[in-house]
Amino acid sequence: MNKREVMNEIKETVLKITGINIEDENDNIIGCHHKYPIVYAIYIVEELEKIFGKEISNIFAENDYTVWKLSNLAEAIINICSNSSDKLQAV
C-alpha cells in the first residue's frame, strides 16, 4: 500500500469510530477541535492494528503528539510495516 491508501484506511477508521471526516492530511486526528472523547484514540489504534495486522502502539511511545497528524501517522504505520518482510496491505 502507498501512503495515500494508508491515509484513506485511517480516515475511514476515524469516520467509523468517531463520525468525523478527516479531510486535511495535516489534521491532528485527536485534536481537541474534533470534540470527541480521547478514549476513542484507543479504539482507533485497536482498529488500525486489526486492519494492518501489525502492532502499532509503539508508534506513540516513540513519537510526540505530531504523530497523530494524518500524514505522519500514515508514514509511521508504513515504517513499522516495512520492517516486516510482508508487503503492507489491509487485512
PDB file of N, CA and C in Angstrom:
ATOM      1  N   MET A   1       0.840  -1.183   0.000  1.00  0.00           N
ATOM      2  CA  MET A   1       0.000   0.000   0.000  1.00  0.00           C
ATOM      3  C   MET A   1       0.882   1.241   0.000  1.00  0.00           C
ATOM      4  N   ASN A   2       0.418   2.243  -0.692  1.00  0.00           N
ATOM      5  CA  ASN A   2       1.152   3.500  -0.670  1.00  0.00           C
ATOM      6  C   ASN A   2       0.577   4.419   0.417  1.00  0.00           C
ATOM      7  N   LYS A   3       1.206   5.565   0.598  1.00  0.00           N
ATOM      8  CA  LYS A   3       0.820   6.476   1.677  1.00  0.00           C
ATOM      9  C   LYS A   3      -0.629   6.928   1.544  1.00  0.00           C
ATOM     10  N   ARG A   4      -1.054   7.224   0.342  1.00  0.00           N
ATOM     11  CA  ARG A   4      -2.432   7.681   0.123  1.00  0.00           C
ATOM     12  C   ARG A   4      -3.431   6.599   0.561  1.00  0.00           C
ATOM     13  N   GLU A   5      -3.141   5.352   0.230  1.00  0.00           N
ATOM     14  CA  GLU A   5      -4.030   4.248   0.610  1.00  0.00           C
ATOM     15  C   GLU A   5      -4.073   4.066   2.128  1.00  0.00           C
ATOM     16  N   VAL A   6      -2.922   4.199   2.771  1.00  0.00           N
ATOM     17  CA  VAL A   6      -2.870   4.087   4.234  1.00  0.00           C
ATOM     18  C   VAL A   6      -3.658   5.236   4.865  1.00  0.00           C
ATOM     19  N   MET A   7      -3.494   6.449   4.345  1.00  0.00           N
ATOM     20  CA  MET A   7      -4.253   7.589   4.870  1.00  0.00           C
ATOM     21  C   MET A   7      -5.752   7.357   4.699  1.00  0.00           C
ATOM     22  N   ASN A   8      -6.153   6.785   3.578  1.00  0.00           N
ATOM     23  CA  ASN A   8      -7.575   6.505   3.367  1.00  0.00           C
ATOM     24  C   ASN A   8      -8.106   5.493   4.379  1.00  0.00           C
ATOM     25  N   GLU A   9      -7.306   4.476   4.685  1.00  0.00           N
ATOM     26  CA  GLU A   9      -7.712   3.498   5.708  1.00  0.00           C
ATOM     27  C   GLU A   9      -7.862   4.178   7.069  1.00  0.00           C
ATOM     28  N   ILE A  10      -6.933   5.064   7.393  1.00  0.00           N
ATOM     29  CA  ILE A  10      -7.005   5.794   8.666  1.00  0.00           C
ATOM     30  C   ILE A  10      -8.256   6.671   8.690  1.00  0.00           C
ATOM     31  N   LYS A  11      -8.489   7.406   7.613  1.00  0.00           N
ATOM     32  CA  LYS A  11      -9.661   8.289   7.550  1.00  0.00           C
ATOM     33  C   LYS A  11     -10.955   7.502   7.695  1.00  0.00           C
ATOM     34  N   GLU A  12     -11.043   6.360   7.023  1.00  0.00           N
ATOM     35  CA  GLU A  12     -12.243   5.525   7.124  1.00  0.00           C
ATOM     36  C   GLU A  12     -12.433   5.014   8.549  1.00  0.00           C
ATOM     37  N   THR A  13     -11.337   4.660   9.197  1.00  0.00           N
ATOM     38  CA  THR A  13     -11.401   4.171  10.574  1.00  0.00           C
ATOM     39  C   THR A  13     -11.861   5.274  11.516  1.00  0.00           C
ATOM     40  N   VAL A  14     -11.300   6.463  11.372  1.00  0.00           N
ATOM     41  CA  VAL A  14     -11.697   7.596  12.217  1.00  0.00           C
ATOM     42  C   VAL A  14     -13.177   7.914  12.004  1.00  0.00           C
ATOM     43  N   LEU A  15     -13.617   7.910  10.762  1.00  0.00           N
ATOM     44  CA  LEU A  15     -15.021   8.190  10.463  1.00  0.00           C
ATOM     45  C   LEU A  15     -15.933   7.135  11.092  1.00  0.00           C
ATOM     46  N   LYS A  16     -15.548   5.887  10.959  1.00  0.00           N
ATOM     47  CA  LYS A  16     -16.346   4.782  11.508  1.00  0.00           C
ATOM     48  C   LYS A  16     -16.471   4.874  13.031  1.00  0.00           C
ATOM     49  N   ILE A  17     -15.388   5.231  13.699  1.00  0.00           N
ATOM     50  CA  ILE A  17     -15.376   5.233  15.166  1.00  0.00           C
ATOM     51  C   ILE A  17     -15.915   6.534  15.756  1.00  0.00           C
ATOM     52  N   THR A  18     -15.576   7.658  15.142  1.00  0.00           N
ATOM     53  CA  THR A  18     -15.934   8.953  15.738  1.00  0.00           C
ATOM     54  C   THR A  18     -17.053   9.685  15.007  1.00  0.00           C
ATOM     55  N   GLY A  19     -17.289   9.308  13.749  1.00  0.00           N
ATOM     56  CA  GLY A  19     -18.259  10.034  12.944  1.00  0.00           C
ATOM     57  C   GLY A  19     -17.690  11.309  12.351  1.00  0.00           C
ATOM     58  N   ILE A  20     -16.378  11.482  12.472  1.00  0.00           N
ATOM     59  CA  ILE A  20     -15.716  12.697  11.981  1.00  0.00           C
ATOM     60  C   ILE A  20     -14.952  12.379  10.708  1.00  0.00           C
ATOM     61  N   ASN A  21     -15.172  13.219   9.693  1.00  0.00           N
ATOM     62  CA  ASN A  21     -14.496  13.052   8.416  1.00  0.00           C
ATOM     63  C   ASN A  21     -13.223  13.901   8.405  1.00  0.00           C
ATOM     64  N   ILE A  22     -12.076  13.251   8.338  1.00  0.00           N
ATOM     65  CA  ILE A  22     -10.790  13.953   8.293  1.00  0.00           C
ATOM     66  C   ILE A  22     -10.487  14.271   6.834  1.00  0.00           C
ATOM     67  N   GLU A  23     -10.345  15.546   6.525  1.00  0.00           N
ATOM     68  CA  GLU A  23     -10.139  15.959   5.139  1.00  0.00           C
ATOM     69  C   GLU A  23      -8.693  16.356   4.855  1.00  0.00           C
ATOM     70  N   ASP A  24      -8.062  17.002   5.826  1.00  0.00           N
ATOM     71  CA  ASP A  24      -6.725  17.564   5.633  1.00  0.00           C
ATOM     72  C   ASP A  24      -5.668  16.588   6.135  1.00  0.00           C
ATOM     73  N   GLU A  25      -4.677  16.288   5.302  1.00  0.00           N
ATOM     74  CA  GLU A  25      -3.644  15.330   5.711  1.00  0.00           C
ATOM     75  C   GLU A  25      -2.765  15.857   6.838  1.00  0.00           C
ATOM     76  N   ASN A  26      -2.838  17.151   7.122  1.00  0.00           N
ATOM     77  CA  ASN A  26      -2.078  17.731   8.234  1.00  0.00           C
ATOM     78  C   ASN A  26      -2.919  17.876   9.499  1.00  0.00           C
ATOM     79  N   ASP A  27      -4.148  17.388   9.442  1.00  0.00           N
ATOM     80  CA  ASP A  27      -5.038  17.472  10.596  1.00  0.00           C
ATOM     81  C   ASP A  27      -4.607  16.476  11.665  1.00  0.00           C
ATOM     82  N   ASN A  28      -4.579  16.938  12.907  1.00  0.00           N
ATOM     83  CA  ASN A  28      -4.303  16.066  14.042  1.00  0.00           C
ATOM     84  C   ASN A  28      -5.613  15.352  14.365  1.00  0.00           C
ATOM     85  N   ILE A  29      -5.642  14.046  14.144  1.00  0.00           N
ATOM     86  CA  ILE A  29      -6.913  13.329  14.232  1.00  0.00           C
ATOM     87  C   ILE A  29      -7.445  13.185  15.650  1.00  0.00           C
ATOM     88  N   ILE A  30      -6.636  13.490  16.655  1.00  0.00           N
ATOM     89  CA  ILE A  30      -7.155  13.506  18.026  1.00  0.00           C
ATOM     90  C   ILE A  30      -7.184  14.923  18.589  1.00  0.00           C
ATOM     91  N   GLY A  31      -7.083  15.914  17.722  1.00  0.00           N
ATOM     92  CA  GLY A  31      -7.097  17.305  18.166  1.00  0.00           C
ATOM     93  C   GLY A  31      -8.388  17.654  18.883  1.00  0.00           C
ATOM     94  N   CYS A  32      -8.300  18.518  19.878  1.00  0.00           N
ATOM     95  CA  CYS A  32      -9.470  18.870  20.688  1.00  0.00           C
ATOM     96  C   CYS A  32     -10.550  19.563  19.863  1.00  0.00           C
ATOM     97  N   HIS A  33     -10.194  20.104  18.704  1.00  0.00           N
ATOM     98  CA  HIS A  33     -11.189  20.756  17.860  1.00  0.00           C
ATOM     99  C   HIS A  33     -12.204  19.765  17.293  1.00  0.00           C
ATOM    100  N   HIS A  34     -11.901  18.466  17.367  1.00  0.00           N
ATOM    101  CA  HIS A  34     -12.840  17.454  16.871  1.00  0.00           C
ATOM    102  C   HIS A  34     -13.920  17.115  17.892  1.00  0.00           C
ATOM    103  N   LYS A  35     -13.683  17.426  19.142  1.00  0.00           N
ATOM    104  CA  LYS A  35     -14.680  17.287  20.209  1.00  0.00           C
ATOM    105  C   LYS A  35     -15.261  15.873  20.330  1.00  0.00           C
ATOM    106  N   TYR A  36     -14.381  14.893  20.417  1.00  0.00           N
ATOM    107  CA  TYR A  36     -14.827  13.544  20.779  1.00  0.00           C
ATOM    108  C   TYR A  36     -13.953  13.059  21.928  1.00  0.00           C
ATOM    109  N   PRO A  37     -14.448  12.133  22.724  1.00  0.00           N
ATOM    110  CA  PRO A  37     -13.683  11.660  23.885  1.00  0.00           C
ATOM    111  C   PRO A  37     -12.334  11.066  23.469  1.00  0.00           C
ATOM    112  N   ILE A  38     -11.291  11.397  24.192  1.00  0.00           N
ATOM    113  CA  ILE A  38      -9.936  10.952  23.859  1.00  0.00           C
ATOM    114  C   ILE A  38      -9.816   9.431  23.894  1.00  0.00           C
ATOM    115  N   VAL A  39     -10.692   8.778  24.632  1.00  0.00           N
ATOM    116  CA  VAL A  39     -10.649   7.315  24.679  1.00  0.00           C
ATOM    117  C   VAL A  39     -10.858   6.722  23.283  1.00  0.00           C
ATOM    118  N   TYR A  40     -11.477   7.458  22.390  1.00  0.00           N
ATOM    119  CA  TYR A  40     -11.663   6.973  21.019  1.00  0.00           C
ATOM    120  C   TYR A  40     -10.328   6.716  20.335  1.00  0.00           C
ATOM    121  N   ALA A  41      -9.278   7.395  20.787  1.00  0.00           N
ATOM    122  CA  ALA A  41      -7.948   7.160  20.211  1.00  0.00           C
ATOM    123  C   ALA A  41      -7.539   5.704  20.397  1.00  0.00           C
ATOM    124  N   ILE A  42      -7.899   5.127  21.537  1.00  0.00           N
ATOM    125  CA  ILE A  42      -7.586   3.715  21.788  1.00  0.00           C
ATOM    126  C   ILE A  42      -8.330   2.837  20.801  1.00  0.00           C
ATOM    127  N   TYR A  43      -9.593   3.153  20.569  1.00  0.00           N
ATOM    128  CA  TYR A  43     -10.389   2.368  19.625  1.00  0.00           C
ATOM    129  C   TYR A  43      -9.848   2.501  18.204  1.00  0.00           C
ATOM    130  N   ILE A  44      -9.386   3.688  17.863  1.00  0.00           N
ATOM    131  CA  ILE A  44      -8.809   3.912  16.535  1.00  0.00           C
ATOM    132  C   ILE A  44      -7.555   3.065  16.363  1.00  0.00           C
ATOM    133  N   VAL A  45      -6.665   3.101  17.351  1.00  0.00           N
ATOM    134  CA  VAL A  45      -5.426   2.315  17.280  1.00  0.00           C
ATOM    135  C   VAL A  45      -5.745   0.827  17.203  1.00  0.00           C
ATOM    136  N   GLU A  46      -6.665   0.377  18.028  1.00  0.00           N
ATOM    137  CA  GLU A  46      -7.046  -1.038  18.030  1.00  0.00           C
ATOM    138  C   GLU A  46      -7.561  -1.473  16.652  1.00  0.00           C
ATOM    139  N   GLU A  47      -8.386  -0.644  16.052  1.00  0.00           N
ATOM    140  CA  GLU A  47      -8.935  -0.973  14.736  1.00  0.00           C
ATOM    141  C   GLU A  47      -7.847  -0.946  13.661  1.00  0.00           C
ATOM    142  N   LEU A  48      -6.937   0.019  13.728  1.00  0.00           N
ATOM    143  CA  LEU A  48      -5.840   0.083  12.756  1.00  0.00           C
ATOM    144  C   LEU A  48      -4.935  -1.137  12.874  1.00  0.00           C
ATOM    145  N   GLU A  49      -4.723  -1.616  14.089  1.00  0.00           N
ATOM    146  CA  GLU A  49      -3.917  -2.826  14.274  1.00  0.00           C
ATOM    147  C   GLU A  49      -4.592  -4.025  13.621  1.00  0.00           C
ATOM    148  N   LYS A  50      -5.902  -4.092  13.701  1.00  0.00           N
ATOM    149  CA  LYS A  50      -6.637  -5.170  13.025  1.00  0.00           C
ATOM    150  C   LYS A  50      -6.522  -5.033  11.511  1.00  0.00           C
ATOM    151  N   ILE A  51      -6.669  -3.821  11.025  1.00  0.00           N
ATOM    152  CA  ILE A  51      -6.643  -3.576   9.582  1.00  0.00           C
ATOM    153  C   ILE A  51      -5.287  -3.930   8.988  1.00  0.00           C
ATOM    154  N   PHE A  52      -4.211  -3.474   9.636  1.00  0.00           N
ATOM    155  CA  PHE A  52      -2.876  -3.666   9.072  1.00  0.00           C
ATOM    156  C   PHE A  52      -2.186  -4.927   9.568  1.00  0.00           C
ATOM    157  N   GLY A  53      -2.776  -5.580  10.548  1.00  0.00           N
ATOM    158  CA  GLY A  53      -2.218  -6.836  11.045  1.00  0.00           C
ATOM    159  C   GLY A  53      -0.885  -6.680  11.754  1.00  0.00           C
ATOM    160  N   LYS A  54      -0.630  -5.497  12.286  1.00  0.00           N
ATOM    161  CA  LYS A  54       0.619  -5.193  13.000  1.00  0.00           C
ATOM    162  C   LYS A  54       0.305  -4.425  14.273  1.00  0.00           C
ATOM    163  N   GLU A  55       1.145  -4.614  15.282  1.00  0.00           N
ATOM    164  CA  GLU A  55       1.020  -3.805  16.489  1.00  0.00           C
ATOM    165  C   GLU A  55       1.639  -2.445  16.199  1.00  0.00           C
ATOM    166  N   ILE A  56       0.843  -1.404  16.332  1.00  0.00           N
ATOM    167  CA  ILE A  56       1.343  -0.059  16.029  1.00  0.00           C
ATOM    168  C   ILE A  56       1.419   0.824  17.266  1.00  0.00           C
ATOM    169  N   SER A  57       1.058   0.302  18.420  1.00  0.00           N
ATOM    170  CA  SER A  57       1.012   1.138  19.624  1.00  0.00           C
ATOM    171  C   SER A  57       2.370   1.731  19.996  1.00  0.00           C
ATOM    172  N   ASN A  58       3.471   1.086  19.607  1.00  0.00           N
ATOM    173  CA  ASN A  58       4.799   1.639  19.899  1.00  0.00           C
ATOM    174  C   ASN A  58       5.057   2.962  19.186  1.00  0.00           C
ATOM    175  N   ILE A  59       4.325   3.207  18.122  1.00  0.00           N
ATOM    176  CA  ILE A  59       4.451   4.484  17.406  1.00  0.00           C
ATOM    177  C   ILE A  59       4.285   5.643  18.388  1.00  0.00           C
ATOM    178  N   PHE A  60       3.366   5.500  19.318  1.00  0.00           N
ATOM    179  CA  PHE A  60       3.014   6.600  20.211  1.00  0.00           C
ATOM    180  C   PHE A  60       3.999   6.747  21.362  1.00  0.00           C
ATOM    181  N   ALA A  61       4.705   5.685  21.683  1.00  0.00           N
ATOM    182  CA  ALA A  61       5.748   5.750  22.711  1.00  0.00           C
ATOM    183  C   ALA A  61       7.014   6.382  22.152  1.00  0.00           C
ATOM    184  N   GLU A  62       7.223   6.224  20.857  1.00  0.00           N
ATOM    185  CA  GLU A  62       8.464   6.671  20.220  1.00  0.00           C
ATOM    186  C   GLU A  62       8.362   8.048  19.578  1.00  0.00           C
ATOM    187  N   ASN A  63       7.174   8.636  19.559  1.00  0.00           N
ATOM    188  CA  ASN A  63       6.959   9.921  18.893  1.00  0.00           C
ATOM    189  C   ASN A  63       6.200  10.869  19.805  1.00  0.00           C
ATOM    190  N   ASP A  64       6.168  12.144  19.419  1.00  0.00           N
ATOM    191  CA  ASP A  64       5.375  13.104  20.175  1.00  0.00           C
ATOM    192  C   ASP A  64       3.974  13.195  19.559  1.00  0.00           C
ATOM    193  N   TYR A  65       3.195  14.163  20.032  1.00  0.00           N
ATOM    194  CA  TYR A  65       1.802  14.294  19.603  1.00  0.00           C
ATOM    195  C   TYR A  65       1.641  14.523  18.100  1.00  0.00           C
ATOM    196  N   THR A  66       2.678  15.004  17.425  1.00  0.00           N
ATOM    197  CA  THR A  66       2.550  15.295  15.995  1.00  0.00           C
ATOM    198  C   THR A  66       2.381  14.036  15.156  1.00  0.00           C
ATOM    199  N   VAL A  67       2.641  12.867  15.744  1.00  0.00           N
ATOM    200  CA  VAL A  67       2.435  11.622  15.004  1.00  0.00           C
ATOM    201  C   VAL A  67       0.945  11.408  14.724  1.00  0.00           C
ATOM    202  N   TRP A  68       0.093  12.107  15.454  1.00  0.00           N
ATOM    203  CA  TRP A  68      -1.343  11.979  15.236  1.00  0.00           C
ATOM    204  C   TRP A  68      -1.832  12.755  14.016  1.00  0.00           C
ATOM    205  N   LYS A  69      -0.947  13.545  13.377  1.00  0.00           N
ATOM    206  CA  LYS A  69      -1.332  14.146  12.097  1.00  0.00           C
ATOM    207  C   LYS A  69      -1.544  13.010  11.114  1.00  0.00           C
ATOM    208  N   LEU A  70      -2.563  13.116  10.304  1.00  0.00           N
ATOM    209  CA  LEU A  70      -2.914  12.045   9.379  1.00  0.00           C
ATOM    210  C   LEU A  70      -1.722  11.578   8.557  1.00  0.00           C
ATOM    211  N   SER A  71      -0.996  12.500   7.938  1.00  0.00           N
ATOM    212  CA  SER A  71       0.136  12.114   7.083  1.00  0.00           C
ATOM    213  C   SER A  71       1.263  11.486   7.898  1.00  0.00           C
ATOM    214  N   ASN A  72       1.521  12.008   9.098  1.00  0.00           N
ATOM    215  CA  ASN A  72       2.585  11.451   9.945  1.00  0.00           C
ATOM    216  C   ASN A  72       2.235  10.051  10.438  1.00  0.00           C
ATOM    217  N   LEU A  73       0.974   9.843  10.799  1.00  0.00           N
ATOM    218  CA  LEU A  73       0.547   8.527  11.262  1.00  0.00           C
ATOM    219  C   LEU A  73       0.653   7.508  10.131  1.00  0.00           C
ATOM    220  N   ALA A  74       0.275   7.910   8.934  1.00  0.00           N
ATOM    221  CA  ALA A  74       0.396   7.008   7.780  1.00  0.00           C
ATOM    222  C   ALA A  74       1.855   6.621   7.553  1.00  0.00           C
ATOM    223  N   GLU A  75       2.753   7.594   7.605  1.00  0.00           N
ATOM    224  CA  GLU A  75       4.184   7.305   7.424  1.00  0.00           C
ATOM    225  C   GLU A  75       4.702   6.378   8.518  1.00  0.00           C
ATOM    226  N   ALA A  76       4.282   6.610   9.755  1.00  0.00           N
ATOM    227  CA  ALA A  76       4.737   5.769  10.868  1.00  0.00           C
ATOM    228  C   ALA A  76       4.244   4.333  10.708  1.00  0.00           C
ATOM    229  N   ILE A  77       3.015   4.169  10.262  1.00  0.00           N
ATOM    230  CA  ILE A  77       2.480   2.823  10.028  1.00  0.00           C
ATOM    231  C   ILE A  77       3.242   2.145   8.904  1.00  0.00           C
ATOM    232  N   ILE A  78       3.515   2.873   7.842  1.00  0.00           N
ATOM    233  CA  ILE A  78       4.289   2.315   6.726  1.00  0.00           C
ATOM    234  C   ILE A  78       5.668   1.896   7.210  1.00  0.00           C
ATOM    235  N   ASN A  79       6.311   2.729   8.034  1.00  0.00           N
ATOM    236  CA  ASN A  79       7.646   2.398   8.548  1.00  0.00           C
ATOM    237  C   ASN A  79       7.629   1.146   9.414  1.00  0.00           C
ATOM    238  N   ILE A  80       6.652   1.031  10.290  1.00  0.00           N
ATOM    239  CA  ILE A  80       6.564  -0.165  11.143  1.00  0.00           C
ATOM    240  C   ILE A  80       6.333  -1.399  10.285  1.00  0.00           C
ATOM    241  N   CYS A  81       5.460  -1.272   9.330  1.00  0.00           N
ATOM    242  CA  CYS A  81       5.132  -2.427   8.495  1.00  0.00           C
ATOM    243  C   CYS A  81       6.241  -2.755   7.507  1.00  0.00           C
ATOM    244  N   SER A  82       7.051  -1.775   7.142  1.00  0.00           N
ATOM    245  CA  SER A  82       8.138  -2.045   6.194  1.00  0.00           C
ATOM    246  C   SER A  82       9.289  -2.782   6.862  1.00  0.00           C
ATOM    247  N   ASN A  83       9.320  -2.791   8.195  1.00  0.00           N
ATOM    248  CA  ASN A  83      10.337  -3.559   8.908  1.00  0.00           C
ATOM    249  C   ASN A  83      10.053  -5.049   8.834  1.00  0.00           C
ATOM    250  N   SER A  84       8.890  -5.370   8.339  1.00  0.00           N
ATOM    251  CA  SER A  84       8.495  -6.770   8.173  1.00  0.00           C
ATOM    252  C   SER A  84       8.755  -7.177   6.728  1.00  0.00           C
ATOM    253  N   SER A  85       8.928  -8.459   6.501  1.00  0.00           N
ATOM    254  CA  SER A  85       9.151  -8.936   5.137  1.00  0.00           C
ATOM    255  C   SER A  85       7.847  -8.991   4.354  1.00  0.00           C
ATOM    256  N   ASP A  86       6.715  -8.872   5.066  1.00  0.00           N
ATOM    257  CA  ASP A  86       5.418  -8.905   4.401  1.00  0.00           C
ATOM    258  C   ASP A  86       5.137  -7.572   3.735  1.00  0.00           C
ATOM    259  N   LYS A  87       4.433  -7.618   2.616  1.00  0.00           N
ATOM    260  CA  LYS A  87       4.012  -6.402   1.943  1.00  0.00           C
ATOM    261  C   LYS A  87       2.844  -5.796   2.723  1.00  0.00           C
ATOM    262  N   LEU A  88       2.855  -4.476   2.902  1.00  0.00           N
ATOM    263  CA  LEU A  88       1.801  -3.800   3.642  1.00  0.00           C
ATOM    264  C   LEU A  88       0.498  -3.898   2.871  1.00  0.00           C
ATOM    265  N   GLN A  89      -0.510  -4.398   3.552  1.00  0.00           N
ATOM    266  CA  GLN A  89      -1.836  -4.436   2.956  1.00  0.00           C
ATOM    267  C   GLN A  89      -2.875  -4.466   4.061  1.00  0.00           C
ATOM    268  N   ALA A  90      -4.040  -3.977   3.728  1.00  0.00           N
ATOM    269  CA  ALA A  90      -5.133  -4.040   4.691  1.00  0.00           C
ATOM    270  C   ALA A  90      -5.607  -5.477   4.765  1.00  0.00           C
ATOM    271  N   VAL A  91      -5.893  -5.928   5.973  1.00  0.00           N
ATOM    272  CA  VAL A  91      -6.327  -7.317   6.165  1.00  0.00           C
ATOM    273  C   VAL A  91      -7.810  -7.422   5.933  1.00  0.00           C
TER     274      VAL A  91
END
